[in-house]
Protein backbone atom coordinates (compact mmCIF):
# COMPACT_ATOMS: atom_id res chain seq x y z
CA UNK A 1 0.00 0.00 0.00
CA UNK A 2 2.87 2.38 0.79
CA UNK A 3 4.51 1.81 -2.59
CA UNK A 4 1.17 2.42 -4.27
CA UNK A 5 0.80 5.72 -2.45
CA UNK A 6 4.32 6.70 -3.46
CA UNK A 7 3.73 5.91 -7.11
CA UNK A 8 0.36 7.63 -7.08
CA UNK A 9 1.56 10.83 -5.45
CA UNK A 10 4.76 10.78 -7.49
CA UNK A 11 2.72 10.68 -10.65
CA UNK A 12 1.23 14.08 -9.85
CA UNK A 13 4.55 15.54 -10.94
CA UNK A 14 3.23 15.32 -14.49
CA UNK A 15 0.16 17.41 -13.71
CA UNK A 16 1.62 20.75 -14.74
CA UNK A 17 0.58 20.37 -18.34
CA UNK A 18 -1.47 23.21 -19.81
CA UNK A 19 -4.12 23.25 -22.51
CA UNK A 20 -2.41 26.15 -24.29
CA UNK A 21 -1.16 25.31 -27.79
CA UNK A 22 1.96 26.89 -29.33
CA UNK A 23 1.19 29.00 -32.41
CA UNK A 24 3.79 27.17 -34.51
CA UNK A 25 2.40 23.72 -33.67
CA UNK A 26 -0.51 22.15 -35.59
CA UNK A 27 -3.78 22.43 -33.69
CA UNK A 28 -4.78 19.17 -32.03
CA UNK A 29 -7.60 18.23 -29.71
CA UNK A 30 -7.41 18.97 -25.99
CA UNK A 31 -7.63 15.26 -25.23
CA UNK A 32 -4.78 14.38 -27.59
CA UNK A 33 -2.67 17.26 -26.27
CA UNK A 34 -3.12 16.13 -22.67
CA UNK A 35 -2.45 12.51 -23.59
CA UNK A 36 0.77 13.31 -25.48
CA UNK A 37 2.10 15.52 -22.70
CA UNK A 38 1.18 12.98 -20.05
CA UNK A 39 2.96 10.14 -21.83
CA UNK A 40 6.11 12.20 -22.35
CA UNK A 41 6.31 13.48 -18.80
CA UNK A 42 5.48 10.06 -17.38
CA UNK A 43 8.63 8.64 -18.95
CA UNK A 44 10.69 11.62 -17.84
CA UNK A 45 9.38 11.51 -14.29
CA UNK A 46 10.09 7.88 -13.56
CA UNK A 47 13.52 8.03 -15.16
CA UNK A 48 14.28 10.81 -12.65
CA UNK A 49 12.78 8.82 -9.79
CA UNK A 50 14.87 5.77 -10.58
CA UNK A 51 18.01 7.94 -10.71
CA UNK A 52 17.17 9.60 -7.40
CA UNK A 53 16.39 6.29 -5.75
CA UNK A 54 19.81 4.90 -6.63
CA UNK A 55 21.46 7.42 -4.31
CA UNK A 56 22.20 5.83 -0.96
CA UNK A 57 21.90 8.95 1.19
CA UNK A 58 18.42 9.94 2.30
CA UNK A 59 18.13 13.74 2.19
CA UNK A 60 14.75 14.78 3.65
CA UNK A 61 15.09 18.45 2.69
CA UNK A 62 15.68 17.61 -0.97
CA UNK A 63 12.82 15.13 -1.02
CA UNK A 64 10.55 17.70 0.64
CA UNK A 65 11.51 20.28 -1.98
CA UNK A 66 10.82 17.79 -4.78
CA UNK A 67 7.42 16.95 -3.34
CA UNK A 68 6.42 20.57 -2.77
CA UNK A 69 7.53 21.80 -6.17
CA UNK A 70 6.19 18.96 -8.28
CA UNK A 71 3.37 17.44 -6.23
CA UNK A 72 1.80 19.60 -3.55
CA UNK A 73 1.69 22.71 -5.72
CA UNK A 74 -0.05 20.74 -8.45
CA UNK A 75 -2.71 19.12 -6.32
CA UNK A 76 -6.23 20.50 -5.95
CA UNK A 77 -6.12 20.38 -2.14
CA UNK A 78 -9.39 22.24 -1.60
CA UNK A 79 -11.14 20.08 -4.19
CA UNK A 80 -10.03 16.89 -2.45
CA UNK A 81 -11.14 18.21 0.94
CA UNK A 82 -14.54 19.12 -0.50
CA UNK A 83 -14.93 15.56 -1.75
CA UNK A 84 -14.13 14.21 1.71
CA UNK A 85 -15.87 16.75 3.94
CA UNK A 86 -18.73 17.99 1.80
CA UNK A 87 -19.68 21.51 0.71
CA UNK A 88 -21.93 22.21 3.70
CA UNK A 89 -19.30 21.46 6.36
CA UNK A 90 -16.66 23.30 4.36
CA UNK A 91 -18.75 26.46 4.07
CA UNK A 92 -19.49 26.37 7.82
CA UNK A 93 -15.77 26.78 8.56
CA UNK A 94 -14.09 30.12 9.08
CA UNK A 95 -11.53 31.26 6.52
CA UNK A 96 -8.72 30.54 8.98
CA UNK A 97 -10.02 27.03 9.59
CA UNK A 98 -10.14 26.35 5.86
CA UNK A 99 -6.59 27.63 5.41
CA UNK A 100 -5.30 25.62 8.38
CA UNK A 101 -7.01 22.43 7.24
CA UNK A 102 -5.63 22.83 3.72
CA UNK A 103 -2.13 23.35 5.14
CA UNK A 104 -2.29 20.24 7.33
CA UNK A 105 -3.72 18.16 4.50
CA UNK A 106 -0.86 19.27 2.24
CA UNK A 107 1.58 18.22 4.96
CA UNK A 108 -0.29 14.91 5.22
CA UNK A 109 0.29 14.35 1.50
CA UNK A 110 3.95 15.24 2.00
CA UNK A 111 4.12 12.75 4.86
CA UNK A 112 2.56 10.02 2.67
CA UNK A 113 5.15 10.71 -0.02
CA UNK A 114 8.12 10.64 2.32
CA UNK A 115 6.90 7.58 4.24
CA UNK A 116 6.49 5.63 1.02
CA UNK A 117 9.66 6.84 -0.68
CA UNK A 118 11.77 4.10 0.90
CA UNK A 119 9.50 1.44 -0.65
CA UNK A 120 10.04 2.54 -4.24
CA UNK A 121 12.18 0.01 -6.09
CA UNK A 122 12.31 1.23 -9.67
CA UNK A 123 8.93 -0.02 -10.87
CA UNK A 124 7.96 0.95 -14.41
CA UNK A 125 4.70 2.76 -15.08
CA UNK A 126 2.76 2.88 -18.36
CA UNK A 127 0.10 5.26 -19.61
CA UNK A 128 -3.13 3.40 -20.40
CA UNK A 129 -5.99 5.81 -21.07
CA UNK A 130 -7.39 9.31 -20.78
CA UNK A 131 -11.11 10.02 -20.53
CA UNK A 132 -12.38 13.62 -20.45
CA UNK A 133 -15.93 14.81 -19.85
CA UNK A 134 -18.05 16.56 -22.47
CA UNK A 135 -16.72 19.99 -21.51
CA UNK A 136 -13.15 18.66 -21.56
CA UNK A 137 -12.32 20.21 -18.19
CA UNK A 138 -12.49 17.12 -15.97
CA UNK A 139 -11.63 13.49 -16.42
CA UNK A 140 -9.71 10.37 -15.46
CA UNK A 141 -6.17 9.30 -16.36
CA UNK A 142 -5.36 5.59 -16.23
CA UNK A 143 -1.92 4.05 -15.76
CA UNK A 144 -0.57 0.59 -15.00
CA UNK A 145 2.28 -0.17 -12.60
CA UNK A 146 4.53 -3.14 -13.35
CA UNK A 147 4.86 -5.62 -10.48
CA UNK A 148 7.51 -8.32 -10.46
CA UNK A 149 5.47 -11.19 -9.05
CA UNK A 150 1.90 -10.11 -9.83
CA UNK A 151 -0.21 -8.75 -12.68
CA UNK A 152 0.23 -5.08 -13.54
CA UNK A 153 -1.59 -2.79 -11.13
CA UNK A 154 -4.12 -0.36 -12.71
CA UNK A 155 -4.51 3.05 -11.06
CA UNK A 156 -6.70 5.97 -12.11
CA UNK A 157 -6.40 9.66 -11.29
CA UNK A 158 -9.21 12.19 -11.25
CA UNK A 159 -8.05 15.42 -12.92
CA UNK A 160 -9.58 18.88 -13.22
CA UNK A 161 -8.56 21.90 -15.26
CA UNK A 162 -7.89 25.05 -13.23
CA UNK A 163 -8.98 28.53 -14.26
CA UNK A 164 -5.43 29.21 -15.44
CA UNK A 165 -5.58 26.24 -17.80
CA UNK A 166 -3.33 23.86 -15.85
CA UNK A 167 -4.51 20.38 -14.97
CA UNK A 168 -4.55 19.41 -11.31
CA UNK A 169 -5.00 16.04 -9.67
CA UNK A 170 -7.86 15.71 -7.22
CA UNK A 171 -8.39 12.04 -6.42
CA UNK A 172 -7.04 8.50 -6.87
CA UNK A 173 -8.97 5.32 -7.67
CA UNK A 174 -7.56 1.82 -7.24
CA UNK A 175 -9.61 -1.35 -7.79
CA UNK A 176 -12.80 0.71 -7.65
CA UNK A 177 -11.89 2.40 -4.35
CA UNK A 178 -11.45 6.18 -4.37
CA UNK A 179 -9.15 7.82 -1.85
CA UNK A 180 -11.70 10.58 -1.09
CA UNK A 181 -14.49 8.08 -0.40
CA UNK A 182 -12.20 5.89 1.70
CA UNK A 183 -11.29 8.89 3.91
CA UNK A 184 -14.72 10.55 3.93
CA UNK A 185 -16.02 8.84 7.07
CA UNK A 186 -12.83 9.59 8.97
CA UNK A 187 -12.90 13.32 8.22
CA UNK A 188 -16.63 13.76 8.68
CA UNK A 189 -16.73 11.69 11.89
CA UNK A 190 -13.78 13.57 13.36
CA UNK A 191 -15.47 16.89 12.71
CA UNK A 192 -18.65 15.56 14.33
CA UNK A 193 -16.78 14.19 17.36
CA UNK A 194 -14.07 16.76 18.07
CA UNK A 195 -14.84 19.65 15.74
CA UNK A 196 -12.81 21.23 12.96
CA UNK A 197 -10.12 22.40 15.40
CA UNK A 198 -9.81 18.87 16.76
CA UNK A 199 -9.35 17.43 13.26
CA UNK A 200 -6.73 20.05 12.39
CA UNK A 201 -4.87 19.40 15.64
CA UNK A 202 -4.96 15.62 15.16
CA UNK A 203 -3.50 15.92 11.66
CA UNK A 204 -0.93 18.42 12.94
CA UNK A 205 0.19 16.05 15.71
CA UNK A 206 0.69 13.18 13.27
CA UNK A 207 2.59 15.43 10.87
CA UNK A 208 4.73 17.00 13.57
CA UNK A 209 5.70 13.62 15.01
CA UNK A 210 6.80 12.36 11.61
CA UNK A 211 8.70 15.46 10.54
CA UNK A 212 10.44 15.69 13.90
CA UNK A 213 11.94 12.24 13.23
CA UNK A 214 13.19 13.33 9.81
CA UNK A 215 14.73 16.55 11.11
CA UNK A 216 12.33 18.71 9.08
CA UNK A 217 10.22 19.88 12.00
CA UNK A 218 11.74 23.36 12.26
CA UNK A 219 11.63 24.10 8.54
CA UNK A 220 8.06 22.84 8.29
CA UNK A 221 6.93 25.02 11.20
CA UNK A 222 8.72 28.05 9.77
CA UNK A 223 7.00 27.51 6.46
CA UNK A 224 3.59 27.29 8.13
CA UNK A 225 4.31 30.40 10.22
CA UNK A 226 5.49 32.38 7.21
CA UNK A 227 2.45 31.37 5.19
CA UNK A 228 0.17 32.65 7.94
CA UNK A 229 -1.83 29.44 8.17
CA UNK A 230 -0.85 28.20 11.62
CA UNK A 231 -3.64 27.75 14.14
CA UNK A 232 -7.20 26.55 13.70
CA UNK A 233 -8.83 29.96 13.76
CA UNK A 234 -11.40 29.27 16.48
Foldseek 3Di string as FASTA:
>chain_A
DLLVLQVVQLLQLLQQDFQDDDPPDDDDDSFVSSVVSSQVVLVVSLVVLQVVLVDPDDDLVVLLVVSVVRGLVQAPLVLLVCLQANPVVQVVADPLQNLLVSLLVSLVSSLSNVVSSNVDDSWHKAWDDWDADPVRFKTKTWMWTDDDPDPTFIKIWIWGADPVRTIGTRWIAGPRDIPSVVCNCVVNVQCVPPNSQRVSVVSVVVSLVSCVVVVCNVVSVVVCVVVVNPDNRD
